[in-house]
Amino acid sequence: YFIDVEGGQATLIVTPDRQSLLIDAG
């Protein structure tokens, strides 16, 4: 998921086994 945080970027990755990685938080 590419999340629009207006000026920055946040990317949420959810693996097949439901582990989650968020890259940056706006």
PDB file of all heavy atoms in Angstrom:
ATOM      1  N   TYR A   1       0.860  -1.186   0.000  1.00  0.00           N
ATOM      2  CA  TYR A   1       0.000   0.000   0.000  1.00  0.00           C
ATOM      3  C   TYR A   1       0.894   1.233   0.000  1.00  0.00           C
ATOM      4  O   TYR A   1       1.713   1.404   0.910  1.00  0.00           O
ATOM      5  CB  TYR A   1      -0.884   0.028   1.252  1.00  0.00           C
ATOM      6  CG  TYR A   1      -1.823  -1.146   1.350  1.00  0.00           C
ATOM      7  CD1 TYR A   1      -1.378  -2.383   1.823  1.00  0.00           C
ATOM      8  CD2 TYR A   1      -3.146  -1.028   0.971  1.00  0.00           C
ATOM      9  CE1 TYR A   1      -2.240  -3.461   1.915  1.00  0.00           C
ATOM     10  CE2 TYR A   1      -4.019  -2.109   1.058  1.00  0.00           C
ATOM     11  CZ  TYR A   1      -3.555  -3.321   1.534  1.00  0.00           C
ATOM     12  OH  TYR A   1      -4.400  -4.395   1.622  1.00  0.00           O
ATOM     13  N   PHE A   2       0.731   2.076  -0.999  1.00  0.00           N
ATOM     14  CA  PHE A   2       1.444   3.343  -1.060  1.00  0.00           C
ATOM     15  C   PHE A   2       0.497   4.405  -0.518  1.00  0.00           C
ATOM     16  O   PHE A   2      -0.568   4.638  -1.080  1.00  0.00           O
ATOM     17  CB  PHE A   2       1.884   3.659  -2.494  1.00  0.00           C
ATOM     18  CG  PHE A   2       2.853   2.645  -3.036  1.00  0.00           C
ATOM     19  CD1 PHE A   2       2.425   1.647  -3.884  1.00  0.00           C
ATOM     20  CD2 PHE A   2       4.181   2.690  -2.658  1.00  0.00           C
ATOM     21  CE1 PHE A   2       3.315   0.702  -4.364  1.00  0.00           C
ATOM     22  CE2 PHE A   2       5.074   1.753  -3.136  1.00  0.00           C
ATOM     23  CZ  PHE A   2       4.648   0.755  -3.996  1.00  0.00           C
ATOM     24  N   ILE A   3       0.892   5.041   0.579  1.00  0.00           N
ATOM     25  CA  ILE A   3       0.002   5.931   1.307  1.00  0.00           C
ATOM     26  C   ILE A   3       0.444   7.372   1.086  1.00  0.00           C
ATOM     27  O   ILE A   3       1.582   7.739   1.378  1.00  0.00           O
ATOM     28  CB  ILE A   3       0.018   5.579   2.805  1.00  0.00           C
ATOM     29  CG1 ILE A   3      -0.343   4.097   2.980  1.00  0.00           C
ATOM     30  CG2 ILE A   3      -0.927   6.478   3.587  1.00  0.00           C
ATOM     31  CD1 ILE A   3       0.099   3.505   4.295  1.00  0.00           C
ATOM     32  N   ASP A   4      -0.468   8.186   0.593  1.00  0.00           N
ATOM     33  CA  ASP A   4      -0.197   9.596   0.333  1.00  0.00           C
ATOM     34  C   ASP A   4      -0.190  10.359   1.651  1.00  0.00           C
ATOM     35  O   ASP A   4      -1.214  10.483   2.308  1.00  0.00           O
ATOM     36  CB  ASP A   4      -1.262  10.163  -0.600  1.00  0.00           C
ATOM     37  CG  ASP A   4      -1.069  11.648  -0.890  1.00  0.00           C
ATOM     38  OD1 ASP A   4      -0.001  12.196  -0.550  1.00  0.00           O
ATOM     39  OD2 ASP A   4      -1.987  12.252  -1.460  1.00  0.00           O
ATOM     40  N   VAL A   5       0.979  10.836   2.044  1.00  0.00           N
ATOM     41  CA  VAL A   5       1.099  11.636   3.261  1.00  0.00           C
ATOM     42  C   VAL A   5       1.545  13.054   2.918  1.00  0.00           C
ATOM     43  O   VAL A   5       2.132  13.741   3.739  1.00  0.00           O
ATOM     44  CB  VAL A   5       2.029  10.965   4.305  1.00  0.00           C
ATOM     45  CG1 VAL A   5       1.395   9.701   4.845  1.00  0.00           C
ATOM     46  CG2 VAL A   5       3.397  10.658   3.733  1.00  0.00           C
ATOM     47  N   GLU A   6       1.213  13.497   1.723  1.00  0.00           N
ATOM     48  CA  GLU A   6       1.409  14.866   1.261  1.00  0.00           C
ATOM     49  C   GLU A   6       2.789  15.447   1.565  1.00  0.00           C
ATOM     50  O   GLU A   6       2.968  16.203   2.500  1.00  0.00           O
ATOM     51  CB  GLU A   6       0.312  15.765   1.822  1.00  0.00           C
ATOM     52  CG  GLU A   6      -1.055  15.354   1.309  1.00  0.00           C
ATOM     53  CD  GLU A   6      -2.138  16.320   1.715  1.00  0.00           C
ATOM     54  OE1 GLU A   6      -1.864  17.515   1.867  1.00  0.00           O
ATOM     55  OE2 GLU A   6      -3.278  15.847   1.862  1.00  0.00           O
ATOM     56  N   GLY A   7       3.745  15.074   0.785  1.00  0.00           N
ATOM     57  CA  GLY A   7       5.095  15.612   0.916  1.00  0.00           C
ATOM     58  C   GLY A   7       6.097  14.539   1.278  1.00  0.00           C
ATOM     59  O   GLY A   7       7.252  14.617   0.922  1.00  0.00           O
ATOM     60  N   GLY A   8       5.658  13.534   1.971  1.00  0.00           N
ATOM     61  CA  GLY A   8       6.509  12.397   2.312  1.00  0.00           C
ATOM     62  C   GLY A   8       5.915  11.163   1.661  1.00  0.00           C
ATOM     63  O   GLY A   8       5.108  11.254   0.743  1.00  0.00           O
ATOM     64  N   GLN A   9       6.292  10.034   2.145  1.00  0.00           N
ATOM     65  CA  GLN A   9       5.743   8.783   1.632  1.00  0.00           C
ATOM     66  C   GLN A   9       5.661   7.801   2.780  1.00  0.00           C
ATOM     67  O   GLN A   9       6.515   7.785   3.659  1.00  0.00           O
ATOM     68  CB  GLN A   9       6.636   8.211   0.526  1.00  0.00           C
ATOM     69  CG  GLN A   9       6.180   6.876  -0.027  1.00  0.00           C
ATOM     70  CD  GLN A   9       4.857   6.952  -0.765  1.00  0.00           C
ATOM     71  OE1 GLN A   9       4.609   7.898  -1.500  1.00  0.00           O
ATOM     72  NE2 GLN A   9       4.001   5.970  -0.565  1.00  0.00           N
ATOM     73  N   ALA A  10       4.645   7.014   2.802  1.00  0.00           N
ATOM     74  CA  ALA A  10       4.532   5.900   3.733  1.00  0.00           C
ATOM     75  C   ALA A  10       4.145   4.690   2.897  1.00  0.00           C
ATOM     76  O   ALA A  10       3.291   4.792   2.016  1.00  0.00           O
ATOM     77  CB  ALA A  10       3.485   6.183   4.811  1.00  0.00           C
ATOM     78  N   THR A  11       4.781   3.580   3.161  1.00  0.00           N
ATOM     79  CA  THR A  11       4.509   2.357   2.419  1.00  0.00           C
ATOM     80  C   THR A  11       4.254   1.243   3.409  1.00  0.00           C
ATOM     81  O   THR A  11       5.065   0.999   4.298  1.00  0.00           O
ATOM     82  CB  THR A  11       5.709   1.983   1.520  1.00  0.00           C
ATOM     83  OG1 THR A  11       6.014   3.104   0.667  1.00  0.00           O
ATOM     84  CG2 THR A  11       5.399   0.768   0.673  1.00  0.00           C
ATOM     85  N   LEU A  12       3.140   0.578   3.261  1.00  0.00           N
ATOM     86  CA  LEU A  12       2.782  -0.551   4.114  1.00  0.00           C
ATOM     87  C   LEU A  12       2.880  -1.822   3.290  1.00  0.00           C
ATOM     88  O   LEU A  12       2.254  -1.926   2.228  1.00  0.00           O
ATOM     89  CB  LEU A  12       1.361  -0.385   4.661  1.00  0.00           C
ATOM     90  CG  LEU A  12       0.814  -1.539   5.498  1.00  0.00           C
ATOM     91  CD1 LEU A  12       1.647  -1.737   6.767  1.00  0.00           C
ATOM     92  CD2 LEU A  12      -0.649  -1.305   5.828  1.00  0.00           C
ATOM     93  N   ILE A  13       3.668  -2.767   3.780  1.00  0.00           N
ATOM     94  CA  ILE A  13       3.836  -4.058   3.122  1.00  0.00           C
ATOM     95  C   ILE A  13       3.267  -5.113   4.061  1.00  0.00           C
ATOM     96  O   ILE A  13       3.624  -5.153   5.246  1.00  0.00           O
ATOM     97  CB  ILE A  13       5.318  -4.346   2.827  1.00  0.00           C
ATOM     98  CG1 ILE A  13       5.877  -3.272   1.893  1.00  0.00           C
ATOM     99  CG2 ILE A  13       5.490  -5.747   2.230  1.00  0.00           C
ATOM    100  CD1 ILE A  13       7.379  -3.327   1.725  1.00  0.00           C
ATOM    101  N   VAL A  14       2.388  -5.940   3.539  1.00  0.00           N
ATOM    102  CA  VAL A  14       1.803  -7.029   4.322  1.00  0.00           C
ATOM    103  C   VAL A  14       2.125  -8.332   3.595  1.00  0.00           C
ATOM    104  O   VAL A  14       1.750  -8.522   2.437  1.00  0.00           O
ATOM    105  CB  VAL A  14       0.283  -6.861   4.498  1.00  0.00           C
ATOM    106  CG1 VAL A  14      -0.274  -7.997   5.343  1.00  0.00           C
ATOM    107  CG2 VAL A  14      -0.036  -5.502   5.129  1.00  0.00           C
ATOM    108  N   THR A  15       2.843  -9.191   4.294  1.00  0.00           N
ATOM    109  CA  THR A  15       3.308 -10.432   3.691  1.00  0.00           C
ATOM    110  C   THR A  15       2.188 -11.466   3.634  1.00  0.00           C
ATOM    111  O   THR A  15       1.161 -11.321   4.304  1.00  0.00           O
ATOM    112  CB  THR A  15       4.487 -11.014   4.492  1.00  0.00           C
ATOM    113  OG1 THR A  15       4.009 -11.440   5.768  1.00  0.00           O
ATOM    114  CG2 THR A  15       5.611 -10.006   4.646  1.00  0.00           C
ATOM    115  N   PRO A  16       2.385 -12.521   2.879  1.00  0.00           N
ATOM    116  CA  PRO A  16       1.370 -13.579   2.806  1.00  0.00           C
ATOM    117  C   PRO A  16       1.018 -14.187   4.169  1.00  0.00           C
ATOM    118  O   PRO A  16      -0.111 -14.592   4.378  1.00  0.00           O
ATOM    119  CB  PRO A  16       2.008 -14.622   1.883  1.00  0.00           C
ATOM    120  CG  PRO A  16       2.896 -13.802   0.995  1.00  0.00           C
ATOM    121  CD  PRO A  16       3.461 -12.736   1.901  1.00  0.00           C
ATOM    122  N   ASP A  17       1.955 -14.208   5.103  1.00  0.00           N
ATOM    123  CA  ASP A  17       1.634 -14.744   6.431  1.00  0.00           C
ATOM    124  C   ASP A  17       1.190 -13.653   7.407  1.00  0.00           C
ATOM    125  O   ASP A  17       1.195 -13.848   8.615  1.00  0.00           O
ATOM    126  CB  ASP A  17       2.786 -15.576   6.987  1.00  0.00           C
ATOM    127  CG  ASP A  17       4.045 -14.782   7.233  1.00  0.00           C
ATOM    128  OD1 ASP A  17       4.113 -13.609   6.821  1.00  0.00           O
ATOM    129  OD2 ASP A  17       4.974 -15.335   7.840  1.00  0.00           O
ATOM    130  N   ARG A  18       0.800 -12.473   6.858  1.00  0.00           N
ATOM    131  CA  ARG A  18       0.198 -11.364   7.588  1.00  0.00           C
ATOM    132  C   ARG A  18       1.173 -10.595   8.469  1.00  0.00           C
ATOM    133  O   ARG A  18       0.763  -9.886   9.378  1.00  0.00           O
ATOM    134  CB  ARG A  18      -1.017 -11.813   8.409  1.00  0.00           C
ATOM    135  CG  ARG A  18      -2.027 -12.670   7.657  1.00  0.00           C
ATOM    136  CD  ARG A  18      -2.444 -12.150   6.301  1.00  0.00           C
ATOM    137  NE  ARG A  18      -3.148 -10.869   6.409  1.00  0.00           N
ATOM    138  CZ  ARG A  18      -3.250 -10.002   5.425  1.00  0.00           C
ATOM    139  NH1 ARG A  18      -2.720 -10.257   4.257  1.00  0.00           N
ATOM    140  NH2 ARG A  18      -3.893  -8.873   5.583  1.00  0.00           N
ATOM    141  N   GLN A  19       2.461 -10.693   8.223  1.00  0.00           N
ATOM    142  CA  GLN A  19       3.437  -9.827   8.885  1.00  0.00           C
ATOM    143  C   GLN A  19       3.389  -8.476   8.183  1.00  0.00           C
ATOM    144  O   GLN A  19       3.212  -8.413   6.968  1.00  0.00           O
ATOM    145  CB  GLN A  19       4.853 -10.410   8.776  1.00  0.00           C
ATOM    146  CG  GLN A  19       5.061 -11.661   9.592  1.00  0.00           C
ATOM    147  CD  GLN A  19       5.225 -11.323  11.052  1.00  0.00           C
ATOM    148  OE1 GLN A  19       6.050 -10.494  11.412  1.00  0.00           O
ATOM    149  NE2 GLN A  19       4.434 -11.954  11.890  1.00  0.00           N
ATOM    150  N   SER A  20       3.571  -7.394   8.950  1.00  0.00           N
ATOM    151  CA  SER A  20       3.460  -6.064   8.353  1.00  0.00           C
ATOM    152  C   SER A  20       4.728  -5.253   8.582  1.00  0.00           C
ATOM    153  O   SER A  20       5.350  -5.327   9.636  1.00  0.00           O
ATOM    154  CB  SER A  20       2.259  -5.315   8.932  1.00  0.00           C
ATOM    155  OG  SER A  20       2.360  -5.213  10.337  1.00  0.00           O
ATOM    156  N   LEU A  21       5.082  -4.495   7.561  1.00  0.00           N
ATOM    157  CA  LEU A  21       6.219  -3.580   7.592  1.00  0.00           C
ATOM    158  C   LEU A  21       5.728  -2.240   7.081  1.00  0.00           C
ATOM    159  O   LEU A  21       5.218  -2.149   5.956  1.00  0.00           O
ATOM    160  CB  LEU A  21       7.356  -4.091   6.696  1.00  0.00           C
ATOM    161  CG  LEU A  21       8.483  -3.107   6.382  1.00  0.00           C
ATOM    162  CD1 LEU A  21       9.283  -2.772   7.641  1.00  0.00           C
ATOM    163  CD2 LEU A  21       9.402  -3.668   5.302  1.00  0.00           C
ATOM    164  N   LEU A  22       5.838  -1.206   7.920  1.00  0.00           N
ATOM    165  CA  LEU A  22       5.521   0.154   7.501  1.00  0.00           C
ATOM    166  C   LEU A  22       6.825   0.902   7.331  1.00  0.00           C
ATOM    167  O   LEU A  22       7.662   0.917   8.235  1.00  0.00           O
ATOM    168  CB  LEU A  22       4.645   0.862   8.541  1.00  0.00           C
ATOM    169  CG  LEU A  22       4.320   2.318   8.220  1.00  0.00           C
ATOM    170  CD1 LEU A  22       3.431   2.423   6.975  1.00  0.00           C
ATOM    171  CD2 LEU A  22       3.662   3.003   9.405  1.00  0.00           C
ATOM    172  N   ILE A  23       6.996   1.511   6.176  1.00  0.00           N
ATOM    173  CA  ILE A  23       8.187   2.301   5.899  1.00  0.00           C
ATOM    174  C   ILE A  23       7.772   3.766   5.947  1.00  0.00           C
ATOM    175  O   ILE A  23       6.983   4.215   5.114  1.00  0.00           O
ATOM    176  CB  ILE A  23       8.797   1.933   4.534  1.00  0.00           C
ATOM    177  CG1 ILE A  23       9.117   0.446   4.506  1.00  0.00           C
ATOM    178  CG2 ILE A  23      10.043   2.782   4.269  1.00  0.00           C
ATOM    179  CD1 ILE A  23       9.496  -0.079   3.144  1.00  0.00           C
ATOM    180  N   ASP A  24       8.256   4.461   6.951  1.00  0.00           N
ATOM    181  CA  ASP A  24       7.989   5.878   7.218  1.00  0.00           C
ATOM    182  C   ASP A  24       6.530   6.114   7.629  1.00  0.00           C
ATOM    183  O   ASP A  24       5.662   5.290   7.380  1.00  0.00           O
ATOM    184  CB  ASP A  24       8.390   6.760   6.045  1.00  0.00           C
ATOM    185  CG  ASP A  24       9.902   6.776   5.830  1.00  0.00           C
ATOM    186  OD1 ASP A  24      10.641   6.613   6.823  1.00  0.00           O
ATOM    187  OD2 ASP A  24      10.340   6.953   4.686  1.00  0.00           O
ATOM    188  N   ALA A  25       6.317   7.259   8.287  1.00  0.00           N
ATOM    189  CA  ALA A  25       5.005   7.518   8.886  1.00  0.00           C
ATOM    190  C   ALA A  25       4.487   8.921   8.606  1.00  0.00           C
ATOM    191  O   ALA A  25       3.570   9.379   9.282  1.00  0.00           O
ATOM    192  CB  ALA A  25       5.068   7.272  10.392  1.00  0.00           C
ATOM    193  N   GLY A  26       5.050   9.616   7.647  1.00  0.00           N
ATOM    194  CA  GLY A  26       4.541  10.927   7.283  1.00  0.00           C
ATOM    195  C   GLY A  26       4.761  11.981   8.351  1.00  0.00           C
ATOM    196  O   GLY A  26       5.593  11.832   9.239  1.00  0.00           O
TER     197      GLY A  26
END
